[in-house]
Amino acid sequence: MLYLEDLKVGDHFISREYEMTLDEVKQFAGQYDPQPFHLDEEAATEHPVFQGLAASGWHTSAVTMRLWTECFPVAGGLVGTESSLRWPRPTRVSDKIHVEIEITAIVPSKTKIDRGIVSYVTQALNQHGDVLLISTTKIMVFRKPA
């Protein structure tokens, strides 16, 4: 587990790959984002932006969260305080996603000495190096117990 003292600005973390399957894309969309460009290959080909079946951006975000938890093992868990994200291009069936994280700021709390806020930028990339998701996130990270 990583504590506040273990981290420094510029640290990088890289996850394993995760392959998006057709069944998973359709299952997630059917349950959480039931739009034709996530569910129907034929309808998706006619969409002016996607021009083919695309995973929900929220599905890509959920996979990114899974990969974060595996490659960025923070003591107490990834307790988010703030995040913003963009999806510059669609995630496709058979994309092999991995995430790359870079710590951009560490701010120890002035009022709660057992923790601080760590800011980082994440990119989720496919096997071609295309950026599918970019997020800036702040999490609470605990200090090592005394």
Protein backbone atom coordinates (compact mmCIF):
# COMPACT_ATOMS: atom_id res chain seq x y z
CA MET A 1 0.00 0.00 0.00
CA LEU A 2 1.13 3.52 -0.81
CA TYR A 3 0.96 6.35 1.73
CA LEU A 4 1.35 10.09 1.23
CA GLU A 5 5.06 9.89 2.12
CA ASP A 6 5.62 7.26 -0.58
CA LEU A 7 4.46 9.53 -3.40
CA LYS A 8 6.15 12.39 -5.22
CA VAL A 9 5.18 14.72 -8.04
CA GLY A 10 6.09 13.12 -11.35
CA ASP A 11 5.54 9.53 -10.21
CA HIS A 12 4.09 7.35 -12.99
CA PHE A 13 1.93 4.25 -12.74
CA ILE A 14 0.97 2.03 -15.68
CA SER A 15 -1.73 -0.63 -15.58
CA ARG A 16 -2.15 -3.95 -17.31
CA GLU A 17 -4.27 -4.18 -20.47
CA TYR A 18 -7.99 -4.84 -20.42
CA GLU A 19 -9.82 -6.00 -23.57
CA MET A 20 -13.30 -4.67 -24.31
CA THR A 21 -15.52 -7.48 -25.60
CA LEU A 22 -18.70 -7.17 -27.67
CA ASP A 23 -20.79 -8.91 -25.01
CA GLU A 24 -19.47 -6.65 -22.26
CA VAL A 25 -20.00 -3.46 -24.29
CA LYS A 26 -23.59 -4.41 -25.02
CA GLN A 27 -24.28 -5.63 -21.48
CA PHE A 28 -22.99 -2.42 -19.88
CA ALA A 29 -24.89 -0.26 -22.38
CA GLY A 30 -28.07 -2.26 -21.95
CA GLN A 31 -27.94 -1.76 -18.22
CA TYR A 32 -26.56 1.79 -17.90
CA ASP A 33 -26.44 3.66 -21.24
CA PRO A 34 -29.02 2.14 -23.63
CA GLN A 35 -28.36 4.12 -26.78
CA PRO A 36 -28.32 2.60 -30.29
CA PHE A 37 -24.65 3.44 -30.96
CA HIS A 38 -23.71 1.31 -27.93
CA LEU A 39 -26.14 -1.56 -28.61
CA ASP A 40 -26.79 -2.01 -32.34
CA GLU A 41 -23.90 -2.46 -34.79
CA GLU A 42 -26.02 -1.55 -37.81
CA ALA A 43 -27.54 1.59 -36.29
CA ALA A 44 -24.12 2.62 -34.98
CA THR A 45 -22.57 2.61 -38.48
CA GLU A 46 -24.96 5.40 -39.45
CA HIS A 47 -24.21 7.62 -36.46
CA PRO A 48 -22.46 10.81 -37.66
CA VAL A 49 -19.93 10.84 -34.80
CA PHE A 50 -19.31 7.20 -33.89
CA GLN A 51 -19.65 5.56 -37.35
CA GLY A 52 -19.65 2.17 -35.68
CA LEU A 53 -20.37 0.50 -32.37
CA ALA A 54 -18.75 2.35 -29.48
CA ALA A 55 -18.55 1.49 -25.80
CA SER A 56 -20.22 3.93 -23.44
CA GLY A 57 -17.83 6.54 -22.09
CA TRP A 58 -19.05 5.52 -18.64
CA HIS A 59 -18.01 1.94 -19.42
CA THR A 60 -14.54 3.19 -20.35
CA SER A 61 -14.54 5.16 -17.08
CA ALA A 62 -15.53 2.07 -15.08
CA VAL A 63 -12.74 0.03 -16.67
CA THR A 64 -10.33 2.88 -15.94
CA MET A 65 -11.41 2.77 -12.28
CA ARG A 66 -10.74 -0.98 -12.18
CA LEU A 67 -7.27 -0.50 -13.64
CA TRP A 68 -6.55 2.39 -11.22
CA THR A 69 -7.28 0.18 -8.23
CA GLU A 70 -4.87 -2.46 -9.51
CA CYS A 71 -1.88 -0.27 -10.38
CA PHE A 72 -2.22 2.56 -7.85
CA PRO A 73 -2.71 0.80 -4.49
CA VAL A 74 -3.28 3.67 -2.08
CA ALA A 75 -3.72 2.89 1.63
CA GLY A 76 -7.37 3.36 2.53
CA GLY A 77 -8.45 3.11 -1.13
CA LEU A 78 -8.87 5.64 -3.90
CA VAL A 79 -11.12 8.07 -2.07
CA GLY A 80 -11.96 10.69 -4.66
CA THR A 81 -12.59 14.31 -3.79
CA GLU A 82 -12.80 15.78 -7.30
CA SER A 83 -12.53 14.68 -10.92
CA SER A 84 -13.07 15.90 -14.45
CA LEU A 85 -12.88 13.78 -17.55
CA ARG A 86 -13.02 13.84 -21.32
CA TRP A 87 -13.46 11.15 -23.93
CA PRO A 88 -11.51 12.39 -26.98
CA ARG A 89 -12.30 9.32 -29.08
CA PRO A 90 -14.60 6.31 -28.77
CA THR A 91 -13.63 3.00 -27.24
CA ARG A 92 -14.27 0.15 -29.67
CA VAL A 93 -14.93 -3.56 -29.27
CA SER A 94 -11.58 -5.41 -29.05
CA ASP A 95 -9.71 -2.32 -27.84
CA LYS A 96 -7.08 -3.27 -25.31
CA ILE A 97 -7.11 -0.47 -22.77
CA HIS A 98 -4.42 0.42 -20.29
CA VAL A 99 -4.10 3.49 -18.06
CA GLU A 100 -1.13 5.73 -17.41
CA ILE A 101 -1.17 7.92 -14.31
CA GLU A 102 1.10 10.84 -13.43
CA ILE A 103 1.03 12.58 -10.07
CA THR A 104 0.89 16.35 -10.58
CA ALA A 105 0.51 17.74 -7.03
CA ILE A 106 0.63 16.66 -3.40
CA VAL A 107 -0.85 18.94 -0.76
CA PRO A 108 -0.68 17.86 2.90
CA SER A 109 -3.78 18.85 4.87
CA LYS A 110 -3.33 21.79 7.21
CA THR A 111 -6.17 20.73 9.50
CA LYS A 112 -6.05 16.90 9.35
CA ILE A 113 -2.44 15.89 9.83
CA ASP A 114 -3.11 12.23 8.99
CA ARG A 115 -3.77 12.92 5.28
CA GLY A 116 -3.33 15.04 2.19
CA ILE A 117 -4.70 15.53 -1.30
CA VAL A 118 -2.94 13.99 -4.30
CA SER A 119 -3.75 15.26 -7.80
CA TYR A 120 -3.04 13.17 -10.87
CA VAL A 121 -3.72 12.98 -14.59
CA THR A 122 -4.86 9.74 -16.15
CA GLN A 123 -4.90 8.73 -19.77
CA ALA A 124 -6.66 5.56 -20.89
CA LEU A 125 -5.09 4.41 -24.14
CA ASN A 126 -5.87 1.64 -26.59
CA GLN A 127 -3.41 -0.73 -28.24
CA HIS A 128 -2.64 1.87 -30.94
CA GLY A 129 -1.78 4.58 -28.41
CA ASP A 130 -5.03 6.46 -29.07
CA VAL A 131 -6.23 8.39 -26.00
CA LEU A 132 -9.76 7.24 -25.12
CA LEU A 133 -10.14 9.02 -21.78
CA ILE A 134 -8.31 11.84 -20.02
CA SER A 135 -9.08 12.72 -16.43
CA THR A 136 -7.72 14.98 -13.77
CA THR A 137 -8.46 13.64 -10.32
CA LYS A 138 -7.88 14.54 -6.69
CA ILE A 139 -7.88 11.85 -4.02
CA MET A 140 -7.38 11.82 -0.28
CA VAL A 141 -4.29 9.85 0.73
CA PHE A 142 -3.41 8.93 4.29
CA ARG A 143 -0.01 9.34 5.92
CA LYS A 144 1.74 6.34 7.43
CA PRO A 145 0.45 5.54 10.91
CA ALA A 146 2.68 6.92 13.67
